[in-house]
Protein backbone atom coordinates (compact mmCIF):
# COMPACT_ATOMS: atom_id res chain seq x y z
CA MET A 1 -31.73 26.03 -20.25
CA ASN A 2 -31.73 25.09 -23.91
CA PRO A 3 -35.42 24.47 -24.92
CA VAL A 4 -34.39 21.51 -27.05
CA LEU A 5 -32.47 19.81 -24.24
CA ALA A 6 -34.99 20.54 -21.47
CA PRO A 7 -37.46 17.77 -22.38
CA VAL A 8 -34.61 15.23 -22.89
CA ILE A 9 -33.20 16.01 -19.40
CA GLU A 10 -36.64 15.91 -17.87
CA HIS A 11 -37.38 12.41 -19.20
CA PHE A 12 -33.88 10.94 -18.88
CA TRP A 13 -32.55 12.59 -15.73
CA TRP A 14 -32.07 9.16 -14.14
CA LEU A 15 -29.70 8.16 -17.01
CA PHE A 16 -27.62 11.30 -16.48
CA LEU A 17 -27.50 10.48 -12.79
CA LEU A 18 -26.35 6.92 -13.45
CA LEU A 19 -23.68 8.10 -15.87
CA SER A 20 -22.42 10.64 -13.29
CA LEU A 21 -22.32 8.01 -10.54
CA ALA A 22 -20.47 5.62 -12.86
CA ALA A 23 -17.89 8.28 -13.63
CA LEU A 24 -17.38 9.00 -9.94
CA PHE A 25 -17.08 5.30 -9.14
CA LYS A 26 -14.43 4.88 -11.82
CA LEU A 27 -12.55 7.91 -10.51
CA PHE A 28 -12.59 6.82 -6.83
CA LYS A 29 -12.37 3.02 -7.39
CA PRO A 30 -8.49 2.87 -6.96
CA PHE A 31 -8.81 5.03 -3.81
CA MET A 32 -11.57 2.89 -2.27
CA LYS A 33 -9.75 -0.34 -3.20
CA GLY A 34 -6.68 0.90 -1.38
CA LYS A 35 -8.72 1.94 1.60
CA MET A 36 -10.29 -1.50 1.88
CA GLY A 37 -6.85 -3.03 2.00
CA GLU A 38 -5.79 -0.47 4.58
CA PHE A 39 -8.83 -1.28 6.72
CA ALA A 40 -8.12 -5.01 6.48
CA VAL A 41 -4.51 -4.66 7.69
CA ALA A 42 -5.67 -2.38 10.56
CA MET A 43 -8.18 -5.08 11.61
CA HIS A 44 -5.45 -7.73 11.45
CA VAL A 45 -3.38 -5.69 13.85
CA LYS A 46 -6.28 -5.15 16.19
CA LEU A 47 -7.29 -8.80 16.25
CA TYR A 48 -3.97 -10.63 16.16
CA LEU A 49 -1.30 -8.28 17.37
CA LYS A 50 -2.92 -7.16 20.61
CA GLN A 51 0.16 -6.10 22.48
CA PRO A 52 0.30 -2.33 23.01
CA HIS A 53 3.80 -2.36 21.55
CA TYR A 54 2.58 -2.30 17.93
CA ILE A 55 1.93 1.08 16.29
CA LEU A 56 0.38 1.01 12.80
CA LEU A 57 0.93 3.94 10.46
CA ASN A 58 -0.92 4.04 7.12
CA ASP A 59 -0.50 5.80 3.78
CA LEU A 60 2.96 7.42 4.24
CA THR A 61 4.43 9.50 1.41
CA PHE A 62 8.11 10.47 1.47
CA GLU A 63 10.45 12.18 -0.94
CA ASP A 64 12.94 9.61 -2.23
CA GLY A 65 15.96 11.87 -2.65
CA GLN A 66 15.72 11.54 -6.51
CA GLY A 67 13.19 14.25 -7.17
CA THR A 68 10.17 11.95 -6.89
CA THR A 69 8.13 10.40 -4.09
CA THR A 70 7.47 6.94 -2.71
CA GLN A 71 4.26 5.88 -0.96
CA ILE A 72 4.17 3.23 1.74
CA ASP A 73 0.86 1.46 2.41
CA HIS A 74 1.52 0.53 6.04
CA LEU A 75 4.35 0.74 8.51
CA LEU A 76 4.18 -1.24 11.70
CA LEU A 77 6.42 0.01 14.49
CA SER A 78 7.39 -2.27 17.35
CA PRO A 79 10.24 -2.97 19.78
CA PHE A 80 10.93 -6.05 17.63
CA GLY A 81 11.55 -4.13 14.44
CA LEU A 82 9.83 -2.11 11.76
CA PHE A 83 7.63 -3.92 9.27
CA VAL A 84 7.07 -2.32 5.89
CA ILE A 85 3.85 -3.63 4.40
CA GLU A 86 2.83 -3.42 0.76
CA THR A 87 -0.82 -4.34 0.36
CA LYS A 88 -2.32 -5.79 -2.80
CA ASN A 89 -6.12 -5.88 -2.85
CA TYR A 90 -6.28 -8.26 -5.86
CA LYS A 91 -8.70 -11.03 -6.79
CA GLY A 92 -8.18 -14.10 -8.93
CA TRP A 93 -5.04 -16.17 -9.52
CA VAL A 94 -1.62 -14.65 -8.85
CA PHE A 95 1.63 -15.93 -10.40
CA GLY A 96 5.00 -14.58 -9.39
CA GLY A 97 8.57 -15.22 -8.29
CA GLU A 98 11.04 -13.31 -6.17
CA ARG A 99 13.32 -12.36 -9.08
CA GLN A 100 10.65 -11.71 -11.69
CA LYS A 101 10.29 -8.10 -12.76
CA THR A 102 6.50 -8.42 -13.16
CA TRP A 103 3.87 -10.69 -11.71
CA THR A 104 0.65 -11.80 -13.29
CA GLN A 105 -2.96 -11.59 -12.12
CA LYS A 106 -5.54 -13.80 -13.93
CA ILE A 107 -9.19 -13.17 -13.24
CA TYR A 108 -11.68 -15.07 -15.31
CA LYS A 109 -10.36 -14.76 -18.92
CA GLN A 110 -8.45 -11.58 -18.33
CA THR A 111 -4.72 -11.40 -17.61
CA PHE A 112 -2.94 -8.40 -16.10
CA LYS A 113 0.72 -7.65 -15.44
CA PHE A 114 1.82 -5.71 -12.36
CA GLN A 115 5.16 -4.76 -10.84
CA ASN A 116 6.76 -7.31 -8.57
CA PRO A 117 5.57 -5.97 -5.13
CA LEU A 118 8.83 -7.16 -3.50
CA HIS A 119 10.75 -4.86 -5.83
CA GLN A 120 8.25 -2.11 -5.11
CA ASN A 121 8.64 -2.54 -1.38
CA TYR A 122 12.47 -2.68 -1.68
CA LYS A 123 12.44 0.98 -2.60
CA HIS A 124 10.23 1.79 0.38
CA VAL A 125 12.66 0.07 2.68
CA LYS A 126 15.62 1.91 1.18
CA VAL A 127 13.93 5.29 1.64
CA LEU A 128 13.14 4.41 5.28
CA GLU A 129 16.81 3.42 5.82
CA GLN A 130 17.90 6.84 4.62
CA ILE A 131 15.37 8.67 6.79
CA LEU A 132 16.36 6.68 9.89
CA VAL A 133 20.10 6.33 9.09
CA GLU A 134 21.16 7.91 12.36
CA ILE A 135 18.65 6.13 14.49
CA LEU A 136 18.12 2.54 13.30
CA SER A 137 20.18 -0.25 11.79
CA PRO A 138 18.77 -1.51 8.48
CA GLU A 139 18.69 -5.08 9.73
CA TYR A 140 15.70 -4.15 11.89
CA ILE A 141 13.54 -3.08 8.90
CA HIS A 142 11.53 -5.95 7.43
CA SER A 143 9.63 -6.10 4.12
CA LEU A 144 6.23 -7.82 3.80
CA VAL A 145 3.72 -8.06 0.97
CA VAL A 146 0.09 -8.80 1.92
CA PHE A 147 -2.52 -9.95 -0.58
CA MET A 148 -6.20 -10.05 0.38
CA PRO A 149 -7.90 -13.51 0.82
CA GLU A 150 -9.66 -13.12 -2.59
CA ALA A 151 -6.26 -13.74 -4.24
CA GLU A 152 -5.12 -17.32 -4.85
CA PHE A 153 -1.38 -18.03 -5.30
CA LYS A 154 -0.66 -20.37 -8.23
CA THR A 155 3.10 -20.40 -7.79
CA ALA A 156 5.25 -20.81 -4.69
CA MET A 157 5.57 -17.48 -3.03
CA PRO A 158 8.62 -16.04 -1.23
CA ALA A 159 8.68 -16.32 2.56
CA ASN A 160 7.64 -12.70 3.13
CA VAL A 161 4.58 -12.72 0.81
CA PHE A 162 1.30 -13.55 2.54
CA ARG A 163 -2.41 -13.91 1.95
CA GLY A 164 -4.97 -12.58 4.44
CA ALA A 165 -4.04 -12.29 8.11
CA SER A 166 -1.25 -14.91 7.96
CA TRP A 167 1.34 -12.08 7.87
CA THR A 168 0.75 -11.47 11.60
CA ASP A 169 2.21 -14.93 12.40
CA TYR A 170 5.41 -13.84 10.65
CA VAL A 171 5.52 -10.64 12.72
CA LYS A 172 4.97 -12.63 15.95
CA ARG A 173 8.12 -14.66 15.23
CA PHE A 174 10.12 -11.61 16.21
CA GLN A 175 10.11 -11.81 20.00
CA GLU A 176 13.43 -10.23 20.97
CA PRO A 177 13.18 -6.47 21.71
CA VAL A 178 15.77 -4.63 19.62
CA ILE A 179 14.37 -1.09 19.85
CA SER A 180 13.89 0.72 23.13
CA GLU A 181 10.70 2.67 23.90
CA THR A 182 12.64 5.91 23.76
CA LYS A 183 14.16 5.06 20.33
CA LEU A 184 10.75 4.01 19.05
CA LYS A 185 9.38 7.45 19.90
CA ARG A 186 12.37 9.05 18.13
CA ILE A 187 11.70 6.94 15.06
CA GLN A 188 8.02 7.94 15.00
CA LEU A 189 8.90 11.62 15.36
CA GLN A 190 11.52 11.42 12.59
CA LEU A 191 9.02 9.71 10.29
CA GLU A 192 6.36 12.30 10.98
CA LYS A 193 8.91 15.02 10.33
CA ALA A 194 9.93 13.56 6.94
CA MET A 195 6.45 12.53 5.83
CA LEU A 196 4.64 14.69 3.32
CA GLU A 197 1.23 16.01 4.34
CA LYS A 198 -1.67 13.69 3.71
CA SER A 199 -3.74 15.43 1.07
CA TRP A 200 -5.23 15.08 -2.42
CA GLN A 201 -2.35 17.22 -3.69
CA THR A 202 0.24 14.82 -2.29
CA ASN A 203 -1.53 11.78 -3.76
CA ARG A 204 -1.94 13.49 -7.13
CA GLN A 205 1.72 14.46 -7.22
CA HIS A 206 2.70 10.88 -6.35
CA VAL A 207 0.52 9.54 -9.22
CA GLU A 208 2.17 11.98 -11.62
CA ASN A 209 5.60 10.79 -10.48
CA LEU A 210 4.57 7.17 -11.18
CA LYS A 211 3.39 8.13 -14.68
CA GLN A 212 6.68 9.90 -15.42
CA ARG A 213 8.66 6.86 -14.24
CA LYS A 214 6.69 4.60 -16.60
CA GLN A 215 7.36 6.98 -19.52
CA VAL A 216 11.10 6.96 -18.76
CA LYS A 217 11.14 3.15 -18.77
């Protein structure tokens, strides 16, 4: 070890440790934020959708047929339809409309723009329609956007945008079985076949694809 640096490290090791922890927190913050939203949705299913018919799949990455990938936060399978769930673990005020390209998050004095999650989820639905084209009619695939309770809507939200566990009431409105148990198993097998392996490599590739799309725009 460099004799000049040795005493500095000896006296300020705690500062180096804090800086390292801060860097790791910044690196993993988006991942942990997503996982918290994933955990919340899983708990909603366990608490409010108690029937054994519901199967929740999380963090699904598929090729979109255009040389890139799309990542679905949650997919709820049931005899009453498939529910494609985009989760937003945001705090503060949220402003948005169905046709707006971007929505706004305001937290304290800061303002952030983010892609309309309905548009984001539209692509997810279209990819699923392609994967299941020979098995399931598109009319049985439903799009939902779920914000965490820390978000507060400041504009009227579309009917399929929810806050907290209220999305489960929407799902429970669908009471008529439209998918047989056999077909539901076929759907799950087809999805597992098309899904990319869950790994850091898959996530990193998806992030790179998102960056490339932004550059093109």
